[in-house]
């Protein structure tokens, strides 16, 4: 069960973050010592903190993840296997990759107690948001030693 602050970022947000880092520009949140949830929440519904908020396929961020881990990212939450380069970055940085169960967007949303826009609002569902997780059920998919549930 994971509790605490997590930032959402999918493909388009990762591309912008990567470009900002490459150009020496400040990024909209501190990457070191935090986590990213590969998710693009559905449009908000009145009376709810957030609507369905399920994971997206992690391999789509393979090009960006190693550099983010090298900048101090502690963990990501996504689904499915990742590249060997990402696995190497996880081990190199003593980080973790959590897998969320695909199709569980409504369940995960019920464990999010706060949601706030952070950056790239023009990306709609792919904008970066700061979420507060409260006991979100996850699986350690790749640990800091490189052991992976996808190898079994």
N, C-alpha and C. Protein backbone atom coordinates (compact mmCIF):
# COMPACT_ATOMS: atom_id res chain seq x y z
N UNK A 1 0.85 -1.17 0.00
CA UNK A 1 0.00 0.00 0.00
C UNK A 1 0.89 1.24 0.00
N UNK A 2 0.62 2.14 -0.92
CA UNK A 2 1.43 3.35 -1.04
C UNK A 2 0.58 4.56 -0.66
N UNK A 3 1.14 5.39 0.20
CA UNK A 3 0.49 6.64 0.60
C UNK A 3 1.48 7.78 0.42
N UNK A 4 0.98 8.96 0.08
CA UNK A 4 1.83 10.14 -0.07
C UNK A 4 1.59 10.85 -1.39
N UNK A 5 2.48 11.79 -1.69
CA UNK A 5 2.36 12.61 -2.89
C UNK A 5 2.96 11.90 -4.10
N UNK A 6 2.22 11.93 -5.20
CA UNK A 6 2.65 11.34 -6.47
C UNK A 6 2.22 12.30 -7.57
N UNK A 7 3.04 12.43 -8.61
CA UNK A 7 2.72 13.29 -9.75
C UNK A 7 2.31 12.44 -10.94
N UNK A 8 1.24 12.83 -11.62
CA UNK A 8 0.86 12.13 -12.85
C UNK A 8 1.68 12.68 -14.00
N UNK A 9 2.05 11.82 -14.93
CA UNK A 9 2.71 12.26 -16.16
C UNK A 9 2.65 11.10 -17.15
N UNK A 10 2.13 11.39 -18.33
CA UNK A 10 2.09 10.41 -19.41
C UNK A 10 3.03 10.85 -20.52
N UNK A 11 2.85 10.30 -21.70
CA UNK A 11 3.74 10.51 -22.83
C UNK A 11 4.04 11.98 -23.13
N UNK A 12 3.01 12.77 -23.37
CA UNK A 12 3.21 14.17 -23.76
C UNK A 12 3.89 14.96 -22.66
N UNK A 13 3.51 14.75 -21.41
CA UNK A 13 4.15 15.45 -20.30
C UNK A 13 5.61 15.03 -20.17
N UNK A 14 5.90 13.74 -20.37
CA UNK A 14 7.28 13.28 -20.31
C UNK A 14 8.12 13.93 -21.40
N UNK A 15 7.57 14.05 -22.59
CA UNK A 15 8.31 14.68 -23.69
C UNK A 15 8.65 16.13 -23.32
N UNK A 16 7.70 16.85 -22.73
CA UNK A 16 7.97 18.24 -22.32
C UNK A 16 9.00 18.31 -21.20
N UNK A 17 8.83 17.45 -20.19
CA UNK A 17 9.81 17.44 -19.10
C UNK A 17 11.21 17.16 -19.63
N UNK A 18 11.32 16.16 -20.48
CA UNK A 18 12.62 15.78 -21.04
C UNK A 18 13.24 16.95 -21.80
N UNK A 19 12.43 17.63 -22.60
CA UNK A 19 12.92 18.79 -23.36
C UNK A 19 13.39 19.89 -22.41
N UNK A 20 12.63 20.14 -21.37
CA UNK A 20 13.02 21.16 -20.39
C UNK A 20 14.35 20.82 -19.73
N UNK A 21 14.51 19.55 -19.35
CA UNK A 21 15.75 19.10 -18.71
C UNK A 21 16.92 19.26 -19.68
N UNK A 22 16.74 18.82 -20.93
CA UNK A 22 17.80 18.91 -21.93
C UNK A 22 18.20 20.36 -22.20
N UNK A 23 17.24 21.29 -22.09
CA UNK A 23 17.51 22.70 -22.35
C UNK A 23 17.90 23.48 -21.10
N UNK A 24 18.05 22.77 -19.97
CA UNK A 24 18.47 23.42 -18.73
C UNK A 24 17.40 24.31 -18.11
N UNK A 25 16.15 24.09 -18.49
CA UNK A 25 15.05 24.88 -17.95
C UNK A 25 14.55 24.25 -16.65
N UNK A 26 13.99 25.08 -15.76
CA UNK A 26 13.41 24.50 -14.53
C UNK A 26 12.16 23.69 -14.86
N UNK A 27 12.00 22.58 -14.17
CA UNK A 27 10.82 21.74 -14.36
C UNK A 27 9.77 22.12 -13.31
N UNK A 28 8.49 21.79 -13.54
CA UNK A 28 7.41 22.28 -12.68
C UNK A 28 7.30 21.62 -11.30
N UNK A 29 8.08 20.59 -11.04
CA UNK A 29 8.09 19.98 -9.70
C UNK A 29 9.45 19.36 -9.47
N UNK A 30 9.80 19.17 -8.22
CA UNK A 30 11.09 18.58 -7.85
C UNK A 30 11.06 17.09 -8.16
N UNK A 31 11.90 16.65 -9.08
CA UNK A 31 11.93 15.25 -9.50
C UNK A 31 12.58 14.37 -8.43
N UNK A 32 13.64 14.87 -7.82
CA UNK A 32 14.36 14.08 -6.82
C UNK A 32 13.45 13.76 -5.64
N UNK A 33 13.55 12.55 -5.17
CA UNK A 33 12.85 12.08 -3.98
C UNK A 33 11.34 12.08 -4.10
N UNK A 34 10.82 11.89 -5.32
CA UNK A 34 9.37 11.83 -5.50
C UNK A 34 9.03 10.66 -6.41
N UNK A 35 7.76 10.55 -6.76
CA UNK A 35 7.30 9.47 -7.63
C UNK A 35 6.38 10.00 -8.72
N UNK A 36 6.35 9.27 -9.82
CA UNK A 36 5.48 9.61 -10.94
C UNK A 36 4.54 8.44 -11.20
N UNK A 37 3.27 8.77 -11.39
CA UNK A 37 2.24 7.80 -11.73
C UNK A 37 1.93 7.99 -13.21
N UNK A 38 2.19 6.96 -14.00
CA UNK A 38 1.91 7.01 -15.43
C UNK A 38 0.40 6.91 -15.63
N UNK A 39 -0.27 8.04 -15.49
CA UNK A 39 -1.73 8.06 -15.59
C UNK A 39 -2.20 9.39 -16.16
N UNK A 40 -3.33 9.34 -16.80
CA UNK A 40 -4.02 10.53 -17.28
C UNK A 40 -5.46 10.42 -16.81
N UNK A 41 -5.78 11.00 -15.66
CA UNK A 41 -7.12 10.85 -15.12
C UNK A 41 -8.21 11.29 -16.09
N UNK A 42 -9.33 10.60 -16.04
CA UNK A 42 -10.49 11.01 -16.83
C UNK A 42 -10.95 12.37 -16.34
N UNK A 43 -11.69 13.11 -17.16
CA UNK A 43 -12.18 14.42 -16.71
C UNK A 43 -12.90 14.31 -15.36
N UNK A 44 -12.68 15.33 -14.53
CA UNK A 44 -13.26 15.33 -13.18
C UNK A 44 -14.77 15.29 -13.22
N UNK A 45 -15.33 14.68 -12.20
CA UNK A 45 -16.78 14.63 -12.03
C UNK A 45 -17.13 15.48 -10.81
N UNK A 46 -18.19 16.26 -10.90
CA UNK A 46 -18.60 17.08 -9.75
C UNK A 46 -18.76 16.25 -8.48
N UNK A 47 -18.25 16.77 -7.39
CA UNK A 47 -18.39 16.10 -6.10
C UNK A 47 -17.33 15.06 -5.82
N UNK A 48 -16.43 14.81 -6.75
CA UNK A 48 -15.35 13.83 -6.54
C UNK A 48 -14.00 14.53 -6.57
N UNK A 49 -13.05 14.00 -5.82
CA UNK A 49 -11.69 14.52 -5.85
C UNK A 49 -11.10 14.30 -7.24
N UNK A 50 -11.38 13.14 -7.81
CA UNK A 50 -10.84 12.77 -9.12
C UNK A 50 -11.74 11.69 -9.71
N UNK A 51 -11.76 11.60 -11.01
CA UNK A 51 -12.52 10.54 -11.67
C UNK A 51 -11.58 9.34 -11.85
N UNK A 52 -11.98 8.37 -12.62
CA UNK A 52 -11.17 7.18 -12.85
C UNK A 52 -9.73 7.56 -13.17
N UNK A 53 -8.79 6.87 -12.55
CA UNK A 53 -7.38 7.24 -12.65
C UNK A 53 -6.51 5.98 -12.70
N UNK A 54 -6.59 5.27 -13.83
CA UNK A 54 -5.85 4.03 -13.98
C UNK A 54 -4.49 4.23 -14.63
N UNK A 55 -3.61 3.23 -14.52
CA UNK A 55 -2.26 3.33 -15.06
C UNK A 55 -2.24 3.18 -16.58
N UNK A 56 -1.21 3.76 -17.19
CA UNK A 56 -0.98 3.56 -18.62
C UNK A 56 0.26 2.70 -18.80
N UNK A 57 0.49 2.23 -20.00
CA UNK A 57 1.59 1.32 -20.30
C UNK A 57 2.95 1.98 -20.07
N UNK A 58 3.74 1.43 -19.19
CA UNK A 58 5.01 2.02 -18.77
C UNK A 58 6.05 2.06 -19.88
N UNK A 59 6.04 1.10 -20.77
CA UNK A 59 7.07 1.05 -21.81
C UNK A 59 7.04 2.28 -22.71
N UNK A 60 5.91 2.99 -22.73
CA UNK A 60 5.83 4.21 -23.55
C UNK A 60 6.73 5.31 -23.00
N UNK A 61 7.19 5.19 -21.77
CA UNK A 61 8.09 6.18 -21.17
C UNK A 61 9.54 5.70 -21.13
N UNK A 62 9.84 4.58 -21.79
CA UNK A 62 11.20 4.03 -21.76
C UNK A 62 12.28 5.03 -22.16
N UNK A 63 12.00 5.90 -23.12
CA UNK A 63 13.00 6.86 -23.59
C UNK A 63 13.33 7.92 -22.55
N UNK A 64 12.43 8.17 -21.62
CA UNK A 64 12.59 9.25 -20.65
C UNK A 64 12.96 8.77 -19.25
N UNK A 65 12.50 7.60 -18.87
CA UNK A 65 12.63 7.14 -17.49
C UNK A 65 14.06 7.06 -16.97
N UNK A 66 15.04 6.53 -17.74
CA UNK A 66 16.39 6.44 -17.16
C UNK A 66 16.93 7.79 -16.68
N UNK A 67 16.74 8.84 -17.46
CA UNK A 67 17.24 10.15 -17.05
C UNK A 67 16.52 10.66 -15.80
N UNK A 68 15.22 10.42 -15.73
CA UNK A 68 14.48 10.86 -14.55
C UNK A 68 14.95 10.11 -13.30
N UNK A 69 15.19 8.81 -13.42
CA UNK A 69 15.75 8.07 -12.29
C UNK A 69 17.12 8.64 -11.91
N UNK A 70 17.93 8.96 -12.91
CA UNK A 70 19.26 9.51 -12.63
C UNK A 70 19.18 10.88 -11.96
N UNK A 71 18.07 11.58 -12.12
CA UNK A 71 17.85 12.87 -11.45
C UNK A 71 17.27 12.71 -10.05
N UNK A 72 17.10 11.46 -9.62
CA UNK A 72 16.67 11.20 -8.24
C UNK A 72 15.24 10.73 -8.07
N UNK A 73 14.54 10.45 -9.17
CA UNK A 73 13.19 9.91 -9.06
C UNK A 73 13.24 8.63 -8.24
N UNK A 74 12.39 8.51 -7.23
CA UNK A 74 12.41 7.34 -6.35
C UNK A 74 11.62 6.16 -6.90
N UNK A 75 10.49 6.45 -7.57
CA UNK A 75 9.66 5.37 -8.06
C UNK A 75 8.73 5.86 -9.15
N UNK A 76 8.22 4.91 -9.91
CA UNK A 76 7.10 5.17 -10.82
C UNK A 76 6.04 4.11 -10.56
N UNK A 77 4.82 4.46 -10.96
CA UNK A 77 3.70 3.53 -10.91
C UNK A 77 3.15 3.45 -12.32
N UNK A 78 3.08 2.25 -12.86
CA UNK A 78 2.54 2.06 -14.21
C UNK A 78 2.03 0.65 -14.36
N UNK A 79 2.07 0.15 -15.61
CA UNK A 79 1.69 -1.25 -15.82
C UNK A 79 2.54 -1.81 -16.95
N UNK A 80 2.83 -3.08 -16.83
CA UNK A 80 3.58 -3.79 -17.87
C UNK A 80 5.08 -3.67 -17.73
N UNK A 81 5.80 -4.47 -18.52
CA UNK A 81 7.26 -4.48 -18.45
C UNK A 81 7.86 -3.20 -19.02
N UNK A 82 9.14 -2.96 -18.66
CA UNK A 82 9.90 -1.81 -19.15
C UNK A 82 11.20 -2.32 -19.78
N UNK A 83 11.94 -1.44 -20.44
CA UNK A 83 13.18 -1.83 -21.12
C UNK A 83 14.29 -2.16 -20.13
N UNK A 84 15.31 -2.83 -20.64
CA UNK A 84 16.48 -3.14 -19.81
C UNK A 84 17.16 -1.86 -19.34
N UNK A 85 17.16 -0.81 -20.17
CA UNK A 85 17.76 0.47 -19.77
C UNK A 85 17.04 1.06 -18.56
N UNK A 86 15.73 0.92 -18.53
CA UNK A 86 14.97 1.42 -17.37
C UNK A 86 15.29 0.56 -16.16
N UNK A 87 15.32 -0.74 -16.34
CA UNK A 87 15.65 -1.63 -15.21
C UNK A 87 17.03 -1.30 -14.66
N UNK A 88 18.00 -1.06 -15.54
CA UNK A 88 19.35 -0.71 -15.10
C UNK A 88 19.34 0.60 -14.30
N UNK A 89 18.55 1.58 -14.75
CA UNK A 89 18.46 2.86 -14.04
C UNK A 89 17.82 2.69 -12.67
N UNK A 90 16.84 1.79 -12.57
CA UNK A 90 16.21 1.51 -11.27
C UNK A 90 17.25 0.98 -10.29
N UNK A 91 18.05 0.02 -10.75
CA UNK A 91 19.08 -0.57 -9.89
C UNK A 91 20.15 0.47 -9.57
N UNK A 92 20.62 1.19 -10.59
CA UNK A 92 21.69 2.18 -10.42
C UNK A 92 21.30 3.25 -9.38
N UNK A 93 20.03 3.55 -9.30
CA UNK A 93 19.57 4.62 -8.42
C UNK A 93 18.82 4.14 -7.19
N UNK A 94 18.87 2.83 -6.94
CA UNK A 94 18.22 2.24 -5.76
C UNK A 94 16.75 2.66 -5.69
N UNK A 95 16.08 2.57 -6.83
CA UNK A 95 14.70 3.00 -6.96
C UNK A 95 13.78 1.78 -7.05
N UNK A 96 12.51 2.01 -7.36
CA UNK A 96 11.51 0.95 -7.44
C UNK A 96 10.52 1.27 -8.54
N UNK A 97 10.01 0.22 -9.17
CA UNK A 97 8.93 0.35 -10.15
C UNK A 97 7.74 -0.42 -9.59
N UNK A 98 6.62 0.28 -9.37
CA UNK A 98 5.40 -0.34 -8.89
C UNK A 98 4.46 -0.58 -10.06
N UNK A 99 3.82 -1.72 -10.08
CA UNK A 99 2.80 -2.02 -11.08
C UNK A 99 1.44 -1.88 -10.42
N UNK A 100 0.58 -1.14 -11.08
CA UNK A 100 -0.81 -1.05 -10.66
C UNK A 100 -1.59 -2.01 -11.56
N UNK A 101 -2.68 -2.48 -11.06
CA UNK A 101 -3.49 -3.41 -11.84
C UNK A 101 -4.24 -2.63 -12.90
N UNK A 102 -4.03 -3.00 -14.17
CA UNK A 102 -4.76 -2.37 -15.26
C UNK A 102 -6.25 -2.60 -15.10
N UNK A 103 -7.04 -1.62 -15.51
CA UNK A 103 -8.49 -1.73 -15.38
C UNK A 103 -9.00 -1.38 -14.00
N UNK A 104 -8.11 -0.93 -13.13
CA UNK A 104 -8.50 -0.62 -11.75
C UNK A 104 -8.58 0.88 -11.49
N UNK A 105 -8.83 1.67 -12.54
CA UNK A 105 -8.86 3.12 -12.40
C UNK A 105 -9.84 3.61 -11.36
N UNK A 106 -11.02 3.02 -11.31
CA UNK A 106 -12.02 3.45 -10.33
C UNK A 106 -11.58 3.09 -8.91
N UNK A 107 -10.98 1.91 -8.74
CA UNK A 107 -10.47 1.51 -7.42
C UNK A 107 -9.38 2.47 -6.96
N UNK A 108 -8.41 2.74 -7.82
CA UNK A 108 -7.32 3.64 -7.44
C UNK A 108 -7.86 5.03 -7.12
N UNK A 109 -8.79 5.52 -7.93
CA UNK A 109 -9.37 6.85 -7.69
C UNK A 109 -10.00 6.94 -6.30
N UNK A 110 -10.55 5.84 -5.81
CA UNK A 110 -11.17 5.86 -4.49
C UNK A 110 -10.14 5.99 -3.37
N UNK A 111 -8.85 5.84 -3.69
CA UNK A 111 -7.77 5.98 -2.72
C UNK A 111 -6.98 7.27 -2.91
N UNK A 112 -7.45 8.17 -3.76
CA UNK A 112 -6.82 9.47 -3.98
C UNK A 112 -7.61 10.50 -3.21
N UNK A 113 -6.95 11.17 -2.26
CA UNK A 113 -7.67 12.09 -1.38
C UNK A 113 -7.51 13.55 -1.78
N UNK A 114 -6.61 13.87 -2.71
CA UNK A 114 -6.45 15.24 -3.19
C UNK A 114 -5.84 15.21 -4.58
N UNK A 115 -6.23 16.17 -5.42
CA UNK A 115 -5.69 16.30 -6.77
C UNK A 115 -5.56 17.78 -7.09
N UNK A 116 -4.40 18.18 -7.62
CA UNK A 116 -4.14 19.58 -7.92
C UNK A 116 -3.38 19.68 -9.23
N UNK A 117 -3.79 20.58 -10.11
CA UNK A 117 -3.06 20.81 -11.36
C UNK A 117 -1.70 21.41 -11.05
N UNK A 118 -0.65 20.91 -11.76
CA UNK A 118 0.71 21.40 -11.55
C UNK A 118 1.24 22.08 -12.81
N UNK A 119 1.10 21.43 -13.98
CA UNK A 119 1.68 21.99 -15.20
C UNK A 119 1.04 21.39 -16.44
N UNK A 120 1.18 22.10 -17.55
CA UNK A 120 0.78 21.66 -18.88
C UNK A 120 -0.73 21.42 -18.99
N UNK A 121 -1.52 22.34 -18.48
CA UNK A 121 -2.98 22.21 -18.52
C UNK A 121 -3.50 22.02 -19.93
N UNK A 122 -2.78 22.55 -20.93
CA UNK A 122 -3.21 22.40 -22.32
C UNK A 122 -3.21 20.95 -22.78
N UNK A 123 -2.58 20.06 -22.03
CA UNK A 123 -2.54 18.64 -22.39
C UNK A 123 -3.77 17.89 -21.89
N UNK A 124 -4.68 18.57 -21.23
CA UNK A 124 -5.90 17.93 -20.75
C UNK A 124 -5.60 16.80 -19.78
N UNK A 125 -6.07 15.60 -20.11
CA UNK A 125 -5.87 14.44 -19.23
C UNK A 125 -4.39 14.11 -19.05
N UNK A 126 -3.52 14.55 -19.97
CA UNK A 126 -2.09 14.26 -19.85
C UNK A 126 -1.32 15.34 -19.11
N UNK A 127 -2.01 16.34 -18.57
CA UNK A 127 -1.34 17.37 -17.76
C UNK A 127 -0.74 16.73 -16.51
N UNK A 128 0.23 17.41 -15.93
CA UNK A 128 0.82 16.92 -14.68
C UNK A 128 -0.05 17.40 -13.52
N UNK A 129 -0.41 16.45 -12.65
CA UNK A 129 -1.19 16.75 -11.46
C UNK A 129 -0.48 16.18 -10.24
N UNK A 130 -0.66 16.82 -9.11
CA UNK A 130 -0.14 16.33 -7.84
C UNK A 130 -1.30 15.61 -7.15
N UNK A 131 -1.10 14.33 -6.87
CA UNK A 131 -2.13 13.53 -6.21
C UNK A 131 -1.67 13.16 -4.81
N UNK A 132 -2.61 12.96 -3.94
CA UNK A 132 -2.31 12.41 -2.62
C UNK A 132 -2.93 11.01 -2.57
N UNK A 133 -2.05 10.01 -2.50
CA UNK A 133 -2.48 8.62 -2.40
C UNK A 133 -2.74 8.28 -0.94
N UNK A 134 -3.73 7.46 -0.71
CA UNK A 134 -4.01 6.93 0.63
C UNK A 134 -4.19 5.43 0.50
N UNK A 135 -3.11 4.70 0.81
CA UNK A 135 -3.12 3.24 0.80
C UNK A 135 -3.55 2.67 -0.57
N UNK A 136 -2.89 3.12 -1.62
CA UNK A 136 -3.17 2.60 -2.96
C UNK A 136 -2.52 1.22 -3.08
N UNK A 137 -3.29 0.20 -3.45
CA UNK A 137 -2.73 -1.15 -3.56
C UNK A 137 -1.89 -1.28 -4.84
N UNK A 138 -0.62 -1.64 -4.67
CA UNK A 138 0.32 -1.78 -5.78
C UNK A 138 1.16 -3.03 -5.59
N UNK A 139 1.86 -3.42 -6.65
CA UNK A 139 2.77 -4.56 -6.63
C UNK A 139 4.17 -4.04 -6.91
N UNK A 140 5.18 -4.46 -6.13
CA UNK A 140 6.55 -4.12 -6.47
C UNK A 140 6.91 -4.97 -7.69
N UNK A 141 6.97 -4.34 -8.85
CA UNK A 141 7.21 -5.07 -10.09
C UNK A 141 8.70 -5.22 -10.38
N UNK A 142 9.50 -4.18 -10.06
CA UNK A 142 10.96 -4.25 -10.18
C UNK A 142 11.52 -3.60 -8.93
N UNK A 143 12.30 -4.37 -8.17
CA UNK A 143 12.85 -3.82 -6.94
C UNK A 143 14.20 -3.16 -7.20
N UNK A 144 14.79 -2.59 -6.15
CA UNK A 144 16.04 -1.85 -6.30
C UNK A 144 17.23 -2.73 -6.67
N UNK A 145 17.06 -4.04 -6.65
CA UNK A 145 18.11 -4.97 -7.07
C UNK A 145 17.91 -5.45 -8.51
N UNK A 146 16.81 -5.04 -9.13
CA UNK A 146 16.53 -5.44 -10.51
C UNK A 146 15.66 -6.68 -10.65
N UNK A 147 15.23 -7.26 -9.53
CA UNK A 147 14.34 -8.42 -9.61
C UNK A 147 12.98 -7.98 -10.15
N UNK A 148 12.46 -8.72 -11.11
CA UNK A 148 11.24 -8.31 -11.79
C UNK A 148 10.20 -9.43 -11.81
N UNK A 149 8.95 -9.06 -11.54
CA UNK A 149 7.88 -10.03 -11.65
C UNK A 149 7.66 -10.44 -13.11
N UNK A 150 8.13 -9.63 -14.05
CA UNK A 150 7.94 -9.92 -15.48
C UNK A 150 8.92 -10.97 -15.99
N UNK A 151 9.91 -11.34 -15.16
CA UNK A 151 10.87 -12.38 -15.55
C UNK A 151 10.37 -13.78 -15.23
N UNK A 152 9.32 -13.88 -14.52
CA UNK A 152 8.86 -15.20 -14.07
C UNK A 152 8.06 -15.88 -15.11
